[in-house]
Amino acid sequence: MSETSPQLAAEQRARVLIDSQLSAAGWTVQDRAAMNLFAGPGVAVRETIMAKGHGQADYLLYVGKRAVGVTEVFSPASAVE
């Protein structure tokens, strides 16, 4: 299904777009259940549970098997200007 498919909710469409953008930028995008930090130099793991008290990240970014960043998915309607 494409990121513009009307069957997908806004957040799901955003995730499809973000997955493709991360992949185009050279990141290996994975689900948490299939996480393999050896899959490439940059690994983006979807819906990762953070340390206790820190919640969940939509994407946790790893470089050299070390966490280096977190991204959160928002629909354009909820973006802060």
Foldseek 3Di string as FASTA:
>chain_A
DALPDPVDDQQRSQVNVVVVVCVVVPEAEEEPVPDDPVPDQKYWYAFAQDPPPPGTARIFIDGPNHTDDTHHTDGPVPDDD
